[in-house]
N, C-alpha and C. Protein backbone atom coordinates (compact mmCIF):
# COMPACT_ATOMS: atom_id res chain seq x y z
N MET A 1 0.84 -1.20 0.00
CA MET A 1 0.00 0.00 0.00
C MET A 1 0.88 1.25 0.00
N LYS A 2 0.40 2.32 -0.63
CA LYS A 2 1.20 3.53 -0.74
C LYS A 2 0.60 4.64 0.11
N GLY A 3 1.42 5.66 0.34
CA GLY A 3 0.92 6.85 1.00
C GLY A 3 0.73 6.71 2.49
N TRP A 4 1.64 5.98 3.15
CA TRP A 4 1.54 5.85 4.61
C TRP A 4 1.65 7.23 5.26
N LEU A 5 0.84 7.46 6.25
CA LEU A 5 0.85 8.73 6.99
C LEU A 5 1.55 8.53 8.32
N LEU A 6 2.64 9.28 8.54
CA LEU A 6 3.39 9.16 9.78
C LEU A 6 2.67 9.92 10.88
N CYS A 7 2.39 9.23 11.98
CA CYS A 7 1.66 9.87 13.09
C CYS A 7 2.57 10.18 14.26
N VAL A 8 3.20 9.16 14.81
CA VAL A 8 4.00 9.33 16.01
C VAL A 8 5.33 8.61 15.82
N VAL A 9 6.41 9.24 16.30
CA VAL A 9 7.72 8.61 16.21
C VAL A 9 8.25 8.36 17.62
N PHE A 10 8.64 7.11 17.90
CA PHE A 10 9.24 6.77 19.19
C PHE A 10 10.70 6.41 18.92
N ILE A 11 11.63 7.26 19.34
CA ILE A 11 13.05 6.98 19.10
C ILE A 11 13.61 6.23 20.30
N MET A 12 14.24 5.11 20.01
CA MET A 12 14.83 4.31 21.06
C MET A 12 16.04 5.05 21.62
N GLY A 13 16.44 4.70 22.84
CA GLY A 13 17.53 5.39 23.51
C GLY A 13 18.82 5.35 22.73
N SER A 14 19.55 6.47 22.72
CA SER A 14 20.85 6.53 22.05
C SER A 14 21.78 7.41 22.84
N SER A 15 23.07 7.05 22.87
CA SER A 15 24.02 7.83 23.65
C SER A 15 24.26 9.18 23.03
N MET A 16 24.06 9.32 21.70
CA MET A 16 24.28 10.60 21.06
C MET A 16 23.28 11.62 21.54
N VAL A 17 22.02 11.23 21.64
CA VAL A 17 20.99 12.12 22.16
C VAL A 17 21.33 12.52 23.59
N PHE A 18 21.75 11.54 24.37
CA PHE A 18 22.09 11.81 25.76
C PHE A 18 23.25 12.78 25.84
N ALA A 19 24.23 12.57 25.00
CA ALA A 19 25.43 13.39 25.04
C ALA A 19 25.11 14.85 24.81
N GLN A 20 24.24 15.13 23.87
CA GLN A 20 23.95 16.49 23.54
C GLN A 20 23.07 17.17 24.59
N SER A 21 22.52 16.43 25.53
CA SER A 21 21.70 17.03 26.57
C SER A 21 22.37 16.92 27.93
N LEU A 22 23.70 16.80 27.95
CA LEU A 22 24.42 16.71 29.21
C LEU A 22 24.09 17.89 30.10
N ILE A 23 24.11 19.09 29.54
CA ILE A 23 23.72 20.29 30.28
C ILE A 23 22.78 21.10 29.38
N PRO A 24 21.47 21.01 29.61
CA PRO A 24 20.52 21.72 28.75
C PRO A 24 20.74 23.23 28.75
N PHE A 25 20.52 23.84 27.60
CA PHE A 25 20.63 25.29 27.43
C PHE A 25 19.21 25.84 27.39
N GLU A 26 18.76 26.42 28.50
CA GLU A 26 17.35 26.81 28.64
C GLU A 26 17.07 28.22 28.12
N PHE A 27 17.57 28.50 26.91
CA PHE A 27 17.30 29.80 26.28
C PHE A 27 17.12 29.57 24.79
N THR A 28 15.98 30.02 24.26
CA THR A 28 15.68 29.83 22.85
C THR A 28 15.99 31.07 22.03
N SER A 29 15.38 32.18 22.39
CA SER A 29 15.63 33.44 21.68
C SER A 29 15.07 34.60 22.49
N GLU A 30 15.47 35.82 22.12
CA GLU A 30 14.97 37.00 22.83
C GLU A 30 13.48 37.20 22.56
N GLU A 31 12.98 36.64 21.47
CA GLU A 31 11.56 36.76 21.15
C GLU A 31 10.72 35.78 21.96
N GLU A 32 11.25 34.56 22.18
CA GLU A 32 10.48 33.51 22.86
C GLU A 32 10.67 33.49 24.37
N ASN A 33 11.77 34.00 24.87
CA ASN A 33 12.01 34.05 26.32
C ASN A 33 11.70 35.44 26.83
N ARG A 34 10.70 35.55 27.70
CA ARG A 34 10.27 36.86 28.19
C ARG A 34 11.34 37.54 29.03
N LEU A 35 11.63 38.79 28.71
CA LEU A 35 12.63 39.57 29.43
C LEU A 35 12.08 40.00 30.79
N ILE A 36 12.85 39.74 31.85
CA ILE A 36 12.43 40.11 33.20
C ILE A 36 13.03 41.46 33.61
N LYS A 37 14.36 41.56 33.41
CA LYS A 37 15.04 42.82 33.72
C LYS A 37 16.36 42.86 32.98
N GLU A 38 16.96 44.06 32.94
CA GLU A 38 18.26 44.19 32.28
C GLU A 38 18.99 45.42 32.82
N ASN A 39 20.31 45.41 32.66
CA ASN A 39 21.13 46.57 32.95
C ASN A 39 22.26 46.60 31.91
N ASP A 40 23.30 47.38 32.15
CA ASP A 40 24.38 47.51 31.17
C ASP A 40 25.21 46.25 31.04
N SER A 41 25.14 45.34 32.04
CA SER A 41 26.00 44.15 32.05
C SER A 41 25.30 42.89 31.59
N PHE A 42 24.01 42.76 31.91
CA PHE A 42 23.33 41.49 31.60
C PHE A 42 21.83 41.69 31.42
N LYS A 43 21.20 40.63 30.88
CA LYS A 43 19.74 40.58 30.75
C LYS A 43 19.26 39.31 31.42
N VAL A 44 18.07 39.36 32.04
CA VAL A 44 17.49 38.21 32.70
C VAL A 44 16.17 37.86 32.02
N TYR A 45 16.03 36.56 31.64
CA TYR A 45 14.84 36.09 30.94
C TYR A 45 14.19 34.94 31.71
N VAL A 46 12.95 34.65 31.37
CA VAL A 46 12.28 33.45 31.89
C VAL A 46 12.88 32.25 31.18
N SER A 47 13.20 31.21 31.93
CA SER A 47 13.79 30.00 31.36
C SER A 47 12.80 29.30 30.43
N SER A 48 13.31 28.76 29.31
CA SER A 48 12.45 28.03 28.38
C SER A 48 12.24 26.59 28.81
N GLY A 49 12.93 26.14 29.85
CA GLY A 49 12.74 24.79 30.36
C GLY A 49 11.73 24.80 31.49
N ASP A 50 12.17 25.20 32.67
CA ASP A 50 11.31 25.34 33.84
C ASP A 50 11.06 26.83 34.04
N THR A 51 9.83 27.26 33.81
CA THR A 51 9.55 28.70 33.86
C THR A 51 9.67 29.31 35.25
N SER A 52 9.90 28.48 36.28
CA SER A 52 10.15 29.03 37.61
C SER A 52 11.61 29.46 37.74
N ASN A 53 12.44 29.04 36.77
CA ASN A 53 13.84 29.43 36.75
C ASN A 53 14.03 30.65 35.87
N ALA A 54 15.23 31.23 35.94
CA ALA A 54 15.55 32.41 35.13
C ALA A 54 16.89 32.20 34.44
N VAL A 55 17.03 32.82 33.29
CA VAL A 55 18.27 32.76 32.52
C VAL A 55 18.92 34.13 32.54
N CYS A 56 20.16 34.20 32.99
CA CYS A 56 20.93 35.44 33.01
C CYS A 56 21.98 35.36 31.92
N ILE A 57 21.97 36.33 31.00
CA ILE A 57 22.90 36.32 29.87
C ILE A 57 23.67 37.62 29.79
N SER A 58 24.98 37.50 29.70
CA SER A 58 25.86 38.63 29.44
C SER A 58 26.27 38.54 27.98
N GLU A 59 25.59 39.29 27.12
CA GLU A 59 25.83 39.18 25.69
C GLU A 59 27.22 39.67 25.29
N GLU A 60 27.74 40.65 25.99
CA GLU A 60 29.05 41.19 25.65
C GLU A 60 30.14 40.14 25.79
N TYR A 61 30.04 39.32 26.86
CA TYR A 61 31.06 38.31 27.10
C TYR A 61 30.56 36.90 26.77
N SER A 62 29.36 36.77 26.26
CA SER A 62 28.77 35.49 25.87
C SER A 62 28.76 34.49 27.03
N LEU A 63 28.29 34.93 28.19
CA LEU A 63 28.20 34.08 29.36
C LEU A 63 26.74 33.80 29.71
N TYR A 64 26.47 32.55 30.11
CA TYR A 64 25.11 32.11 30.43
C TYR A 64 25.08 31.58 31.86
N ARG A 65 23.97 31.87 32.55
CA ARG A 65 23.79 31.34 33.90
C ARG A 65 22.31 31.03 34.11
N LEU A 66 22.01 29.79 34.51
CA LEU A 66 20.64 29.39 34.81
C LEU A 66 20.44 29.50 36.32
N LEU A 67 19.42 30.26 36.74
CA LEU A 67 19.19 30.54 38.16
C LEU A 67 17.86 29.96 38.62
N SER A 68 17.86 29.43 39.84
CA SER A 68 16.62 28.94 40.44
C SER A 68 15.81 30.11 40.96
N LYS A 69 14.60 29.82 41.42
CA LYS A 69 13.73 30.88 41.94
C LYS A 69 14.38 31.61 43.11
N SER A 70 15.22 30.89 43.87
CA SER A 70 15.89 31.50 45.02
C SER A 70 17.18 32.22 44.63
N GLY A 71 17.55 32.16 43.35
CA GLY A 71 18.77 32.82 42.90
C GLY A 71 19.99 31.92 42.89
N ARG A 72 19.81 30.63 43.21
CA ARG A 72 20.93 29.69 43.20
C ARG A 72 21.31 29.38 41.76
N THR A 73 22.62 29.28 41.48
CA THR A 73 23.09 28.94 40.14
C THR A 73 22.92 27.45 39.90
N ILE A 74 22.16 27.09 38.87
CA ILE A 74 21.93 25.70 38.50
C ILE A 74 22.97 25.25 37.47
N ALA A 75 23.24 26.12 36.50
CA ALA A 75 24.20 25.80 35.45
C ALA A 75 24.81 27.09 34.92
N ALA A 76 26.02 26.98 34.38
CA ALA A 76 26.69 28.15 33.83
C ALA A 76 27.64 27.72 32.73
N GLY A 77 27.83 28.60 31.74
CA GLY A 77 28.75 28.27 30.66
C GLY A 77 28.82 29.36 29.62
N GLY A 78 29.59 29.11 28.57
CA GLY A 78 29.74 30.07 27.49
C GLY A 78 28.88 29.70 26.30
N PHE A 79 28.63 30.67 25.42
CA PHE A 79 27.84 30.40 24.23
C PHE A 79 28.29 31.31 23.09
N ILE A 80 27.90 30.93 21.89
CA ILE A 80 28.14 31.76 20.72
C ILE A 80 26.83 31.90 19.97
N MET A 81 26.72 32.94 19.17
CA MET A 81 25.54 33.14 18.35
C MET A 81 25.90 32.83 16.91
N GLU A 82 25.10 31.98 16.29
CA GLU A 82 25.30 31.59 14.90
C GLU A 82 24.00 31.84 14.16
N SER A 83 23.97 32.89 13.35
CA SER A 83 22.72 33.37 12.75
C SER A 83 21.78 33.74 13.89
N ASP A 84 20.62 33.08 13.97
CA ASP A 84 19.68 33.39 15.05
C ASP A 84 19.68 32.31 16.12
N LYS A 85 20.72 31.45 16.11
CA LYS A 85 20.80 30.35 17.07
C LYS A 85 21.82 30.64 18.16
N PHE A 86 21.51 30.15 19.37
CA PHE A 86 22.43 30.24 20.49
C PHE A 86 23.02 28.85 20.72
N LEU A 87 24.34 28.71 20.65
CA LEU A 87 24.99 27.41 20.77
C LEU A 87 25.91 27.37 21.97
N GLN A 88 25.88 26.26 22.71
CA GLN A 88 26.79 26.07 23.83
C GLN A 88 28.21 25.95 23.29
N ASP A 89 29.14 26.68 23.89
CA ASP A 89 30.51 26.66 23.41
C ASP A 89 31.45 27.01 24.56
N GLY A 90 32.48 26.19 24.77
CA GLY A 90 33.39 26.41 25.88
C GLY A 90 33.02 25.58 27.09
N LYS A 91 33.52 25.99 28.25
CA LYS A 91 33.31 25.21 29.48
C LYS A 91 31.91 25.42 30.04
N TRP A 92 31.27 24.30 30.46
CA TRP A 92 29.95 24.34 31.08
C TRP A 92 29.96 23.53 32.37
N THR A 93 29.15 23.98 33.33
CA THR A 93 29.12 23.33 34.64
C THR A 93 27.70 23.36 35.20
N THR A 94 27.28 22.24 35.82
CA THR A 94 26.03 22.23 36.58
C THR A 94 26.38 22.04 38.05
N PHE A 95 25.47 22.51 38.94
CA PHE A 95 25.75 22.53 40.37
C PHE A 95 24.63 21.86 41.18
N TYR A 96 25.03 21.28 42.32
CA TYR A 96 24.06 20.76 43.28
C TYR A 96 23.46 21.93 44.06
N GLU A 97 22.42 21.66 44.85
CA GLU A 97 21.79 22.70 45.65
C GLU A 97 22.75 23.26 46.70
N ASN A 98 23.74 22.46 47.11
CA ASN A 98 24.70 22.94 48.10
C ASN A 98 25.82 23.76 47.47
N GLY A 99 25.74 23.97 46.15
CA GLY A 99 26.74 24.80 45.47
C GLY A 99 27.92 24.04 44.91
N ARG A 100 28.05 22.77 45.25
CA ARG A 100 29.16 21.97 44.72
C ARG A 100 28.93 21.61 43.25
N ILE A 101 30.01 21.39 42.54
CA ILE A 101 29.92 21.03 41.13
C ILE A 101 29.34 19.63 40.98
N LYS A 102 28.39 19.49 40.07
CA LYS A 102 27.78 18.20 39.76
C LYS A 102 28.38 17.60 38.49
N LEU A 103 28.52 18.39 37.46
CA LEU A 103 29.04 17.92 36.17
C LEU A 103 29.72 19.07 35.46
N THR A 104 30.87 18.81 34.84
CA THR A 104 31.57 19.87 34.12
C THR A 104 32.32 19.30 32.92
N GLY A 105 32.37 20.10 31.86
CA GLY A 105 33.05 19.68 30.65
C GLY A 105 32.94 20.76 29.59
N TYR A 106 33.33 20.44 28.37
CA TYR A 106 33.37 21.43 27.29
C TYR A 106 32.45 21.06 26.13
N PHE A 107 31.87 22.11 25.52
CA PHE A 107 31.09 21.97 24.30
C PHE A 107 31.80 22.70 23.17
N GLN A 108 31.59 22.22 21.96
CA GLN A 108 31.99 22.93 20.76
C GLN A 108 30.78 23.00 19.85
N ARG A 109 30.19 24.17 19.79
CA ARG A 109 28.98 24.38 18.98
C ARG A 109 27.90 23.34 19.29
N ASN A 110 27.56 23.22 20.55
CA ASN A 110 26.51 22.31 21.06
C ASN A 110 26.95 20.85 21.14
N ILE A 111 28.18 20.53 20.76
CA ILE A 111 28.64 19.16 20.77
C ILE A 111 29.62 18.96 21.93
N PRO A 112 29.35 18.00 22.83
CA PRO A 112 30.28 17.74 23.94
C PRO A 112 31.60 17.19 23.42
N ILE A 113 32.71 17.69 23.95
CA ILE A 113 34.03 17.25 23.51
C ILE A 113 34.95 17.09 24.73
N GLY A 114 36.00 16.31 24.56
CA GLY A 114 37.03 16.21 25.58
C GLY A 114 36.57 15.49 26.84
N THR A 115 37.23 15.82 27.94
CA THR A 115 37.01 15.15 29.22
C THR A 115 35.87 15.79 30.01
N TRP A 116 34.96 14.95 30.50
CA TRP A 116 33.86 15.39 31.35
C TRP A 116 33.99 14.72 32.71
N GLN A 117 33.76 15.50 33.77
CA GLN A 117 33.85 14.98 35.14
C GLN A 117 32.53 15.15 35.87
N GLU A 118 32.12 14.09 36.55
CA GLU A 118 30.90 14.12 37.37
C GLU A 118 31.29 13.90 38.82
N PHE A 119 30.68 14.68 39.73
CA PHE A 119 31.02 14.62 41.15
C PHE A 119 29.79 14.27 41.97
N ASN A 120 30.00 13.71 43.17
CA ASN A 120 28.88 13.48 44.08
C ASN A 120 28.63 14.74 44.91
N LYS A 121 27.59 14.72 45.72
CA LYS A 121 27.20 15.92 46.47
C LYS A 121 28.24 16.37 47.48
N ASN A 122 29.13 15.46 47.86
CA ASN A 122 30.17 15.81 48.83
C ASN A 122 31.44 16.33 48.17
N GLY A 123 31.43 16.40 46.83
CA GLY A 123 32.60 16.93 46.13
C GLY A 123 33.55 15.86 45.62
N GLY A 124 33.25 14.60 45.90
CA GLY A 124 34.11 13.51 45.44
C GLY A 124 33.87 13.18 43.98
N LEU A 125 34.93 12.75 43.30
CA LEU A 125 34.82 12.41 41.89
C LEU A 125 33.97 11.15 41.72
N LYS A 126 33.01 11.20 40.79
CA LYS A 126 32.08 10.08 40.56
C LYS A 126 32.40 9.35 39.25
N THR A 127 32.51 10.09 38.16
CA THR A 127 32.88 9.49 36.87
C THR A 127 33.77 10.45 36.09
N VAL A 128 34.61 9.87 35.23
CA VAL A 128 35.41 10.63 34.28
C VAL A 128 35.21 9.98 32.91
N SER A 129 34.67 10.73 31.97
CA SER A 129 34.42 10.18 30.62
C SER A 129 34.98 11.13 29.57
N ASN A 130 35.16 10.61 28.37
CA ASN A 130 35.72 11.40 27.27
C ASN A 130 34.84 11.30 26.04
N TYR A 131 34.72 12.42 25.34
CA TYR A 131 33.95 12.48 24.10
C TYR A 131 34.86 12.87 22.94
N GLY A 132 34.81 12.08 21.88
CA GLY A 132 35.63 12.35 20.70
C GLY A 132 34.80 12.94 19.58
N LEU A 133 35.43 13.78 18.75
CA LEU A 133 34.77 14.37 17.59
C LEU A 133 34.97 13.48 16.37
N PHE A 134 33.91 13.32 15.58
CA PHE A 134 33.96 12.50 14.38
C PHE A 134 33.31 13.26 13.23
N VAL A 135 33.97 13.25 12.09
CA VAL A 135 33.43 13.91 10.90
C VAL A 135 32.63 12.90 10.09
N GLN A 136 31.37 13.21 9.86
CA GLN A 136 30.49 12.34 9.09
C GLN A 136 29.99 13.08 7.85
N SER A 137 29.33 12.37 6.97
CA SER A 137 28.78 13.00 5.77
C SER A 137 27.71 14.02 6.13
N THR A 138 27.07 13.82 7.29
CA THR A 138 26.02 14.74 7.74
C THR A 138 26.56 15.87 8.60
N GLY A 139 27.88 15.87 8.86
CA GLY A 139 28.48 16.91 9.68
C GLY A 139 29.31 16.34 10.81
N VAL A 140 29.70 17.20 11.74
CA VAL A 140 30.52 16.78 12.88
C VAL A 140 29.63 16.32 14.02
N ALA A 141 30.00 15.22 14.66
CA ALA A 141 29.26 14.69 15.80
C ALA A 141 30.24 14.18 16.84
N SER A 142 29.75 13.85 18.02
CA SER A 142 30.62 13.30 19.06
C SER A 142 29.91 12.20 19.81
N CYS A 143 30.69 11.35 20.47
CA CYS A 143 30.14 10.30 21.32
C CYS A 143 31.22 9.88 22.30
N LEU A 144 30.86 9.04 23.25
CA LEU A 144 31.86 8.53 24.19
C LEU A 144 32.99 7.86 23.42
N SER A 145 34.22 8.28 23.71
CA SER A 145 35.38 7.72 23.01
C SER A 145 36.62 7.98 23.85
N GLY A 146 37.28 6.92 24.27
CA GLY A 146 38.46 7.06 25.11
C GLY A 146 38.27 6.42 26.47
N THR A 147 39.10 6.80 27.42
CA THR A 147 39.06 6.17 28.74
C THR A 147 37.81 6.57 29.51
N TYR A 148 37.39 5.67 30.42
CA TYR A 148 36.22 5.89 31.25
C TYR A 148 36.47 5.29 32.63
N GLN A 149 36.18 6.07 33.69
CA GLN A 149 36.34 5.58 35.05
C GLN A 149 35.13 5.94 35.91
N GLU A 150 34.81 5.04 36.84
CA GLU A 150 33.81 5.30 37.87
C GLU A 150 34.48 5.12 39.23
N TYR A 151 33.98 5.88 40.24
CA TYR A 151 34.60 5.84 41.56
C TYR A 151 33.54 5.64 42.65
N TYR A 152 33.93 4.98 43.73
CA TYR A 152 33.09 4.87 44.92
C TYR A 152 33.08 6.22 45.64
N ASN A 153 32.13 6.40 46.56
CA ASN A 153 32.08 7.64 47.36
C ASN A 153 33.35 7.82 48.18
N SER A 154 34.02 6.72 48.46
CA SER A 154 35.27 6.78 49.23
C SER A 154 36.44 7.29 48.39
N GLY A 155 36.23 7.39 47.06
CA GLY A 155 37.30 7.83 46.18
C GLY A 155 38.04 6.68 45.52
N LYS A 156 37.73 5.46 45.91
CA LYS A 156 38.38 4.28 45.34
C LYS A 156 37.83 4.02 43.93
N LEU A 157 38.71 3.53 43.05
CA LEU A 157 38.30 3.22 41.68
C LEU A 157 37.33 2.06 41.66
N LYS A 158 36.23 2.22 40.93
CA LYS A 158 35.20 1.19 40.82
C LYS A 158 35.21 0.51 39.45
N VAL A 159 35.30 1.30 38.38
CA VAL A 159 35.29 0.76 37.01
C VAL A 159 36.34 1.48 36.19
N ASN A 160 37.05 0.72 35.37
CA ASN A 160 38.04 1.31 34.47
C ASN A 160 37.88 0.65 33.10
N GLY A 161 37.64 1.46 32.05
CA GLY A 161 37.43 0.88 30.74
C GLY A 161 37.69 1.86 29.63
N PHE A 162 37.24 1.50 28.44
CA PHE A 162 37.52 2.30 27.25
C PHE A 162 36.35 2.20 26.27
N TYR A 163 35.98 3.36 25.70
CA TYR A 163 34.94 3.41 24.68
C TYR A 163 35.56 3.75 23.32
N ALA A 164 34.96 3.24 22.27
CA ALA A 164 35.36 3.59 20.90
C ALA A 164 34.13 4.04 20.13
N GLY A 165 34.29 5.11 19.35
CA GLY A 165 33.17 5.58 18.54
C GLY A 165 32.89 4.61 17.41
N SER A 166 31.63 4.29 17.21
CA SER A 166 31.28 3.32 16.18
C SER A 166 29.90 3.63 15.61
N LEU A 167 29.71 3.31 14.33
CA LEU A 167 28.39 3.44 13.72
C LEU A 167 27.62 2.15 13.97
N VAL A 168 26.51 2.26 14.67
CA VAL A 168 25.71 1.09 14.98
C VAL A 168 24.31 1.26 14.37
N THR A 169 23.63 0.15 14.20
CA THR A 169 22.27 0.19 13.67
C THR A 169 21.29 0.44 14.80
N VAL A 170 20.49 1.48 14.66
CA VAL A 170 19.48 1.84 15.66
C VAL A 170 18.11 1.54 15.07
N HIS A 171 17.25 0.94 15.88
CA HIS A 171 15.90 0.59 15.44
C HIS A 171 14.90 1.60 16.00
N ASP A 172 14.31 2.38 15.12
CA ASP A 172 13.29 3.35 15.51
C ASP A 172 11.91 2.74 15.27
N THR A 173 11.10 2.71 16.30
CA THR A 173 9.74 2.19 16.18
C THR A 173 8.78 3.35 15.91
N VAL A 174 8.02 3.26 14.83
CA VAL A 174 7.10 4.34 14.47
C VAL A 174 5.69 3.78 14.29
N THR A 175 4.73 4.63 14.52
CA THR A 175 3.34 4.29 14.27
C THR A 175 2.87 5.04 13.04
N VAL A 176 2.37 4.33 12.05
CA VAL A 176 1.88 4.95 10.83
C VAL A 176 0.42 4.57 10.63
N THR A 177 -0.28 5.40 9.88
CA THR A 177 -1.70 5.14 9.60
C THR A 177 -1.86 4.72 8.14
N ASP A 178 -2.46 3.58 7.94
CA ASP A 178 -2.76 3.11 6.60
C ASP A 178 -3.88 3.98 6.03
N PRO A 179 -3.60 4.72 4.93
CA PRO A 179 -4.62 5.63 4.38
C PRO A 179 -5.85 4.91 3.82
N VAL A 180 -5.72 3.60 3.57
CA VAL A 180 -6.85 2.84 3.01
C VAL A 180 -7.76 2.33 4.13
N THR A 181 -7.15 1.67 5.14
CA THR A 181 -7.94 1.08 6.22
C THR A 181 -8.15 2.02 7.39
N GLY A 182 -7.26 3.04 7.48
CA GLY A 182 -7.35 3.97 8.60
C GLY A 182 -6.82 3.40 9.89
N GLN A 183 -6.23 2.20 9.86
CA GLN A 183 -5.70 1.56 11.05
C GLN A 183 -4.24 1.96 11.28
N ASP A 184 -3.88 2.03 12.57
CA ASP A 184 -2.49 2.30 12.93
C ASP A 184 -1.67 1.03 12.84
N VAL A 185 -0.49 1.13 12.26
CA VAL A 185 0.40 0.00 12.08
C VAL A 185 1.78 0.34 12.61
N ILE A 186 2.38 -0.58 13.35
CA ILE A 186 3.72 -0.39 13.89
C ILE A 186 4.75 -0.81 12.85
N LYS A 187 5.73 0.06 12.59
CA LYS A 187 6.81 -0.24 11.66
C LYS A 187 8.14 0.03 12.35
N VAL A 188 9.17 -0.69 11.92
CA VAL A 188 10.51 -0.50 12.45
C VAL A 188 11.41 0.03 11.34
N ILE A 189 12.06 1.17 11.61
CA ILE A 189 12.97 1.78 10.64
C ILE A 189 14.39 1.66 11.17
N ASN A 190 15.28 1.12 10.36
CA ASN A 190 16.68 0.98 10.76
C ASN A 190 17.51 2.14 10.21
N ARG A 191 18.42 2.65 11.05
CA ARG A 191 19.32 3.71 10.60
C ARG A 191 20.65 3.57 11.33
N LYS A 192 21.69 4.19 10.77
CA LYS A 192 23.02 4.16 11.37
C LYS A 192 23.20 5.37 12.29
N GLU A 193 23.82 5.14 13.44
CA GLU A 193 24.04 6.23 14.39
C GLU A 193 25.39 6.08 15.07
N LEU A 194 26.07 7.21 15.25
CA LEU A 194 27.35 7.21 15.94
C LEU A 194 27.12 7.07 17.43
N THR A 195 27.80 6.12 18.05
CA THR A 195 27.63 5.92 19.48
C THR A 195 28.90 5.34 20.09
N GLY A 196 29.06 5.49 21.37
CA GLY A 196 30.21 4.93 22.07
C GLY A 196 29.98 3.48 22.40
N VAL A 197 30.92 2.62 22.04
CA VAL A 197 30.80 1.19 22.28
C VAL A 197 31.95 0.74 23.18
N LYS A 198 31.63 -0.05 24.20
CA LYS A 198 32.67 -0.58 25.08
C LYS A 198 33.64 -1.42 24.27
N THR A 199 34.95 -1.24 24.53
CA THR A 199 35.95 -2.01 23.80
C THR A 199 37.17 -2.24 24.68
N GLY A 200 37.99 -3.21 24.30
CA GLY A 200 39.21 -3.48 25.05
C GLY A 200 38.96 -4.10 26.42
N ARG A 201 39.85 -3.83 27.35
CA ARG A 201 39.77 -4.41 28.69
C ARG A 201 38.96 -3.52 29.63
N TRP A 202 37.98 -4.13 30.30
CA TRP A 202 37.20 -3.44 31.31
C TRP A 202 37.43 -4.14 32.65
N GLU A 203 37.73 -3.33 33.68
CA GLU A 203 38.01 -3.87 35.01
C GLU A 203 37.02 -3.31 36.02
N TYR A 204 36.56 -4.19 36.92
CA TYR A 204 35.59 -3.82 37.95
C TYR A 204 36.19 -4.18 39.31
N PHE A 205 36.21 -3.22 40.23
CA PHE A 205 36.90 -3.40 41.50
C PHE A 205 35.94 -3.35 42.69
N GLU A 206 36.28 -4.12 43.72
CA GLU A 206 35.62 -3.99 45.02
C GLU A 206 36.10 -2.69 45.65
N GLU A 207 35.36 -2.19 46.65
CA GLU A 207 35.74 -0.93 47.27
C GLU A 207 37.07 -1.03 48.02
N ASN A 208 37.45 -2.26 48.41
CA ASN A 208 38.73 -2.43 49.10
C ASN A 208 39.91 -2.50 48.13
N GLY A 209 39.63 -2.37 46.82
CA GLY A 209 40.68 -2.37 45.83
C GLY A 209 40.88 -3.69 45.12
N ASP A 210 40.25 -4.75 45.61
CA ASP A 210 40.39 -6.07 44.97
C ASP A 210 39.65 -6.09 43.63
N LEU A 211 40.22 -6.78 42.66
CA LEU A 211 39.60 -6.92 41.35
C LEU A 211 38.41 -7.86 41.44
N GLU A 212 37.21 -7.36 41.12
CA GLU A 212 36.00 -8.17 41.18
C GLU A 212 35.87 -9.04 39.93
N LYS A 213 36.04 -8.40 38.77
CA LYS A 213 35.99 -9.14 37.51
C LYS A 213 36.67 -8.33 36.42
N LYS A 214 37.00 -9.03 35.34
CA LYS A 214 37.66 -8.39 34.21
C LYS A 214 37.06 -8.97 32.93
N GLU A 215 36.86 -8.12 31.91
CA GLU A 215 36.34 -8.62 30.65
C GLU A 215 37.08 -8.00 29.49
N GLU A 216 37.26 -8.80 28.44
CA GLU A 216 37.91 -8.35 27.21
C GLU A 216 36.83 -8.27 26.12
N LEU A 217 36.68 -7.08 25.53
CA LEU A 217 35.63 -6.86 24.54
C LEU A 217 36.22 -6.60 23.16
């Protein structure tokens, strides 16, 4: 039958989608985000994510800060303007309610790159991951690539491994409507996607430092 009508698309989980939302940028445009106040140094807008939050932007220095209703800094980083788009660029950081760093790393035009560090609420290192840049026919993208470590709250190493960027087949489940019968039909569409794949030697440790298990991938 011809002329299938696409109704709803359900995209299965992918690390690339996750990677690009490591630290959401809650500002769309000056037209869509209502201006609250401004002075010579910065402008404050209603957040496009949680409207109880506010976005503080210093356009002269291209600095962004997401503030809670109480004025606490939730996230901060640099940005660039490309045409009418605002893109994350440079170092970005999110914070816990106690002010400690939760996650920090670098973006290049909305794409996470380099080393990213995640911390627990007490300031201890939780994970260290790396994102590599890859040039594709559709443009530049990134995914987990390089060394990866996880740590216990005590600071002891928990997991040590390595990711490699790879094109994998992703199955997208979609619902389409048959224009003849009017019935909804489930279809699966296969596509290639860049993602981080575990590779090489992975080691898992007990908190006392003993090796729990080891795997070669």
